[in-house]
């Protein structure tokens, strides 16, 4: 089978440089994500072939979006233009073409994008991982860890009980606080039903539907609970949502 696209020697040389460059390790996350998307677009495919990661894998979703957005920007045959942009960014980080460019760039490691919630406003932030030396920047100067689950701080809330799949505790909360809005959203824009469908908690989904959860509501990515269940591969929840009124 023919290769998708053979990168130029210049591109490969730039990618090799970024794999160990300390300046790449200090780049902004927006730049790192762009480099990631460009590298994948040039060397792997026009866009991702796998489904978008689940809602709590924020690092994976950011990377998926970066790669997926390349087709809209460069089209189906814009690898040469994408290479130019990648090389432009590498140049800004101090790269210059060496006399004997490496014939092939090393396969990059995944970027380590840590999502913390220790900022003043409490919202998660994308941060480059690794130590201060910057030598952890594999391939494109990018190395990804899954985000730390923010739901852990909601152990005694409707959201924490939903994420944990704790039907007993969720039932207790809803009976003790009948005034609670079953369709309220968390700080990331997800209702309890979205969370239950994404996590695959069938019994929680049943309870939420019984309590009046609205299955037509969409999350920040325009997914309904049914669509999240489909992405999660939960045919039992899909069937339940499809049959409920």
Protein backbone atom coordinates (compact mmCIF):
# COMPACT_ATOMS: atom_id res chain seq x y z
CA UNK A 1 0.00 0.00 0.00
CA UNK A 2 1.37 3.41 -0.98
CA UNK A 3 2.40 5.80 1.74
CA UNK A 4 -0.05 8.57 2.58
CA UNK A 5 2.51 11.33 2.15
CA UNK A 6 6.29 11.34 2.23
CA UNK A 7 7.49 14.35 4.23
CA UNK A 8 10.35 16.38 2.85
CA UNK A 9 13.82 16.04 4.35
CA UNK A 10 13.50 19.59 5.64
CA UNK A 11 10.27 18.77 7.47
CA UNK A 12 11.83 15.63 8.94
CA UNK A 13 14.85 17.59 10.07
CA UNK A 14 12.67 20.19 11.76
CA UNK A 15 10.65 17.45 13.49
CA UNK A 16 13.86 15.85 14.75
CA UNK A 17 14.96 19.20 16.15
CA UNK A 18 11.66 19.72 17.97
CA UNK A 19 11.86 16.27 19.53
CA UNK A 20 14.68 17.42 21.82
CA UNK A 21 14.49 21.20 21.73
CA UNK A 22 14.05 22.98 25.04
CA UNK A 23 12.42 25.88 23.21
CA UNK A 24 9.72 23.51 21.97
CA UNK A 25 9.09 22.46 25.54
CA UNK A 26 8.50 26.10 26.48
CA UNK A 27 6.07 26.78 23.63
CA UNK A 28 2.49 27.76 24.38
CA UNK A 29 -0.07 24.99 24.39
CA UNK A 30 -1.79 26.56 21.38
CA UNK A 31 1.46 26.25 19.45
CA UNK A 32 2.05 22.71 20.64
CA UNK A 33 -1.42 21.69 19.57
CA UNK A 34 -0.93 23.28 16.17
CA UNK A 35 2.36 21.43 15.76
CA UNK A 36 0.66 18.21 16.77
CA UNK A 37 -2.15 18.72 14.24
CA UNK A 38 0.28 19.65 11.48
CA UNK A 39 2.53 16.67 12.16
CA UNK A 40 -0.37 14.22 12.10
CA UNK A 41 -1.87 15.84 9.00
CA UNK A 42 1.44 15.62 7.13
CA UNK A 43 2.59 12.18 8.26
CA UNK A 44 -0.53 10.14 9.11
CA UNK A 45 -3.81 11.25 7.55
CA UNK A 46 -5.89 14.30 6.65
CA UNK A 47 -7.94 13.86 9.82
CA UNK A 48 -8.33 11.39 12.69
CA UNK A 49 -9.87 8.03 11.87
CA UNK A 50 -10.76 7.26 15.49
CA UNK A 51 -13.74 8.73 17.31
CA UNK A 52 -13.29 11.85 19.40
CA UNK A 53 -12.16 10.92 22.92
CA UNK A 54 -14.69 10.86 25.71
CA UNK A 55 -15.65 14.04 27.51
CA UNK A 56 -13.29 13.66 30.47
CA UNK A 57 -10.22 13.09 28.30
CA UNK A 58 -9.78 16.80 27.72
CA UNK A 59 -6.19 16.46 26.59
CA UNK A 60 -7.14 13.83 24.03
CA UNK A 61 -10.06 15.92 22.82
CA UNK A 62 -7.85 18.99 22.42
CA UNK A 63 -5.38 17.03 20.32
CA UNK A 64 -8.16 15.40 18.30
CA UNK A 65 -9.62 18.82 17.55
CA UNK A 66 -6.21 20.18 16.55
CA UNK A 67 -5.67 17.38 14.05
CA UNK A 68 -9.27 17.34 12.83
CA UNK A 69 -9.14 21.08 12.10
CA UNK A 70 -6.28 20.74 9.64
CA UNK A 71 -8.48 19.57 6.75
CA UNK A 72 -10.64 22.70 6.96
CA UNK A 73 -7.49 24.83 6.86
CA UNK A 74 -5.40 22.99 4.26
CA UNK A 75 -7.88 20.81 2.37
CA UNK A 76 -7.30 17.20 1.36
CA UNK A 77 -4.06 17.83 -0.50
CA UNK A 78 -2.40 20.62 1.43
CA UNK A 79 0.48 18.66 2.91
CA UNK A 80 3.10 20.92 1.34
CA UNK A 81 1.47 24.03 2.77
CA UNK A 82 1.16 22.32 6.16
CA UNK A 83 4.86 21.42 6.01
CA UNK A 84 5.71 25.08 5.38
CA UNK A 85 3.73 26.15 8.41
CA UNK A 86 5.35 23.47 10.58
CA UNK A 87 8.81 24.55 9.43
CA UNK A 88 7.89 28.18 10.05
CA UNK A 89 6.99 27.38 13.65
CA UNK A 90 10.15 25.31 14.09
CA UNK A 91 12.21 28.23 12.78
CA UNK A 92 10.60 30.54 15.32
CA UNK A 93 11.80 28.10 17.98
CA UNK A 94 15.39 28.27 16.82
CA UNK A 95 15.57 25.50 14.24
CA UNK A 96 17.91 25.87 11.26
CA UNK A 97 18.53 23.25 8.58
CA UNK A 98 21.67 21.27 9.30
CA UNK A 99 24.07 20.14 6.60
CA UNK A 100 22.92 16.51 6.68
CA UNK A 101 19.21 16.40 7.51
CA UNK A 102 17.86 13.30 9.13
CA UNK A 103 16.07 11.15 6.52
CA UNK A 104 13.11 10.49 8.72
CA UNK A 105 11.68 12.13 11.80
CA UNK A 106 11.34 10.06 14.92
CA UNK A 107 7.75 9.16 15.69
CA UNK A 108 6.57 11.73 18.25
CA UNK A 109 5.37 10.78 21.64
CA UNK A 110 2.03 12.03 22.78
CA UNK A 111 1.96 15.51 24.26
CA UNK A 112 1.64 15.77 27.98
CA UNK A 113 -1.13 18.26 28.57
CA UNK A 114 -2.07 18.38 32.20
CA UNK A 115 -5.42 19.82 33.17
CA UNK A 116 -5.35 21.39 36.58
CA UNK A 117 -7.99 23.33 38.45
CA UNK A 118 -5.73 25.31 40.72
CA UNK A 119 -6.14 28.56 38.82
CA UNK A 120 -7.87 31.46 40.48
CA UNK A 121 -11.17 30.89 38.66
CA UNK A 122 -11.09 27.15 39.37
CA UNK A 123 -11.31 26.13 35.71
CA UNK A 124 -9.01 23.55 34.17
CA UNK A 125 -6.02 24.78 32.22
CA UNK A 126 -3.84 23.09 29.63
CA UNK A 127 -0.26 22.96 30.78
CA UNK A 128 2.82 21.47 29.24
CA UNK A 129 4.03 18.48 31.15
CA UNK A 130 7.57 17.41 31.89
CA UNK A 131 10.37 18.92 33.89
CA UNK A 132 11.73 22.39 33.59
CA UNK A 133 14.57 21.27 31.37
CA UNK A 134 12.16 20.79 28.50
CA UNK A 135 13.86 17.59 27.35
CA UNK A 136 10.63 15.62 27.56
CA UNK A 137 9.31 17.07 24.32
CA UNK A 138 9.10 14.03 22.10
CA UNK A 139 8.78 14.19 18.31
CA UNK A 140 7.27 17.62 18.01
CA UNK A 141 8.26 18.89 21.40
CA UNK A 142 4.99 17.43 22.54
CA UNK A 143 4.58 14.64 25.16
CA UNK A 144 -0.37 13.48 26.85
CA UNK A 145 -1.64 12.44 30.08
CA UNK A 146 -5.35 12.14 30.69
CA UNK A 147 -6.77 14.96 32.66
CA UNK A 148 -7.17 14.59 36.39
CA UNK A 149 -10.84 13.85 36.90
CA UNK A 150 -12.40 17.05 38.22
CA UNK A 151 -15.49 15.15 39.36
CA UNK A 152 -13.68 13.76 42.38
CA UNK A 153 -14.36 16.97 44.28
CA UNK A 154 -18.12 16.44 43.88
CA UNK A 155 -18.33 13.25 45.96
CA UNK A 156 -21.48 14.41 47.72
CA UNK A 157 -23.16 16.13 44.81
CA UNK A 158 -25.53 15.02 42.09
CA UNK A 159 -22.62 15.11 39.66
CA UNK A 160 -20.22 13.13 41.82
CA UNK A 161 -22.83 10.45 42.47
CA UNK A 162 -23.59 10.22 38.77
CA UNK A 163 -19.96 9.90 37.76
CA UNK A 164 -19.40 7.26 40.44
CA UNK A 165 -22.43 5.31 39.25
CA UNK A 166 -23.77 5.34 42.81
CA UNK A 167 -27.51 4.84 42.34
CA UNK A 168 -28.23 4.61 46.08
CA UNK A 169 -26.50 7.89 46.88
CA UNK A 170 -28.01 9.66 43.89
CA UNK A 171 -31.48 8.47 44.89
CA UNK A 172 -30.90 9.74 48.41
CA UNK A 173 -29.80 13.14 47.15
CA UNK A 174 -32.79 13.53 44.86
CA UNK A 175 -35.26 12.42 47.55
CA UNK A 176 -33.70 14.65 50.19
CA UNK A 177 -33.52 17.64 47.85
CA UNK A 178 -36.55 17.46 45.55
CA UNK A 179 -35.94 21.07 44.57
CA UNK A 180 -32.78 20.13 42.65
CA UNK A 181 -32.90 20.71 38.92
CA UNK A 182 -32.26 17.32 37.34
CA UNK A 183 -31.16 19.07 34.14
CA UNK A 184 -28.66 21.44 35.73
CA UNK A 185 -25.21 21.52 34.16
CA UNK A 186 -21.84 21.32 35.82
CA UNK A 187 -19.11 23.91 35.27
CA UNK A 188 -18.14 22.17 32.03
CA UNK A 189 -21.65 22.27 30.56
CA UNK A 190 -22.74 18.64 31.13
CA UNK A 191 -25.99 17.49 32.67
CA UNK A 192 -26.07 14.42 34.94
CA UNK A 193 -27.59 12.46 32.07
CA UNK A 194 -24.69 13.38 29.78
CA UNK A 195 -22.25 12.19 32.42
CA UNK A 196 -24.10 8.94 33.07
CA UNK A 197 -24.26 8.11 29.37
CA UNK A 198 -20.61 8.92 28.81
CA UNK A 199 -19.57 6.74 31.77
CA UNK A 200 -21.95 3.94 30.80
CA UNK A 201 -23.95 3.82 34.05
CA UNK A 202 -27.19 2.19 32.89
CA UNK A 203 -28.97 2.18 36.26
CA UNK A 204 -28.13 5.83 36.82
CA UNK A 205 -29.51 6.67 33.38
CA UNK A 206 -32.74 4.84 34.27
CA UNK A 207 -33.05 6.79 37.53
CA UNK A 208 -32.38 10.14 35.88
CA UNK A 209 -34.96 9.46 33.17
CA UNK A 210 -37.51 8.49 35.85
CA UNK A 211 -36.81 11.81 37.58
CA UNK A 212 -37.46 13.76 34.40
CA UNK A 213 -34.02 14.21 32.84
CA UNK A 214 -34.23 15.81 29.40
CA UNK A 215 -32.50 13.53 26.87
CA UNK A 216 -32.70 16.16 24.12
CA UNK A 217 -30.24 18.58 25.76
CA UNK A 218 -26.85 18.96 24.09
CA UNK A 219 -23.41 19.28 25.68
CA UNK A 220 -20.82 21.94 24.72
CA UNK A 221 -19.80 19.78 21.74
CA UNK A 222 -23.41 19.55 20.55
CA UNK A 223 -23.78 15.90 21.62
CA UNK A 224 -27.03 14.58 23.09
CA UNK A 225 -26.92 11.91 25.81
CA UNK A 226 -27.89 9.34 23.17
CA UNK A 227 -24.94 10.31 20.99
CA UNK A 228 -22.56 10.10 23.95
CA UNK A 229 -23.83 6.60 24.69
CA UNK A 230 -23.23 5.66 21.06
CA UNK A 231 -19.66 6.98 21.22
CA UNK A 232 -19.12 5.05 24.45
CA UNK A 233 -20.35 1.86 22.76
CA UNK A 234 -23.20 1.35 25.25
CA UNK A 235 -25.91 -0.25 23.14
CA UNK A 236 -27.99 -0.94 26.27
CA UNK A 237 -28.19 2.77 27.10
CA UNK A 238 -28.80 3.65 23.46
CA UNK A 239 -31.74 1.24 23.40
CA UNK A 240 -33.11 2.68 26.65
CA UNK A 241 -32.90 6.26 25.44
CA UNK A 242 -34.38 5.36 22.06
CA UNK A 243 -37.37 3.64 23.64
CA UNK A 244 -38.11 6.16 26.40
CA UNK A 245 -40.68 8.89 25.91
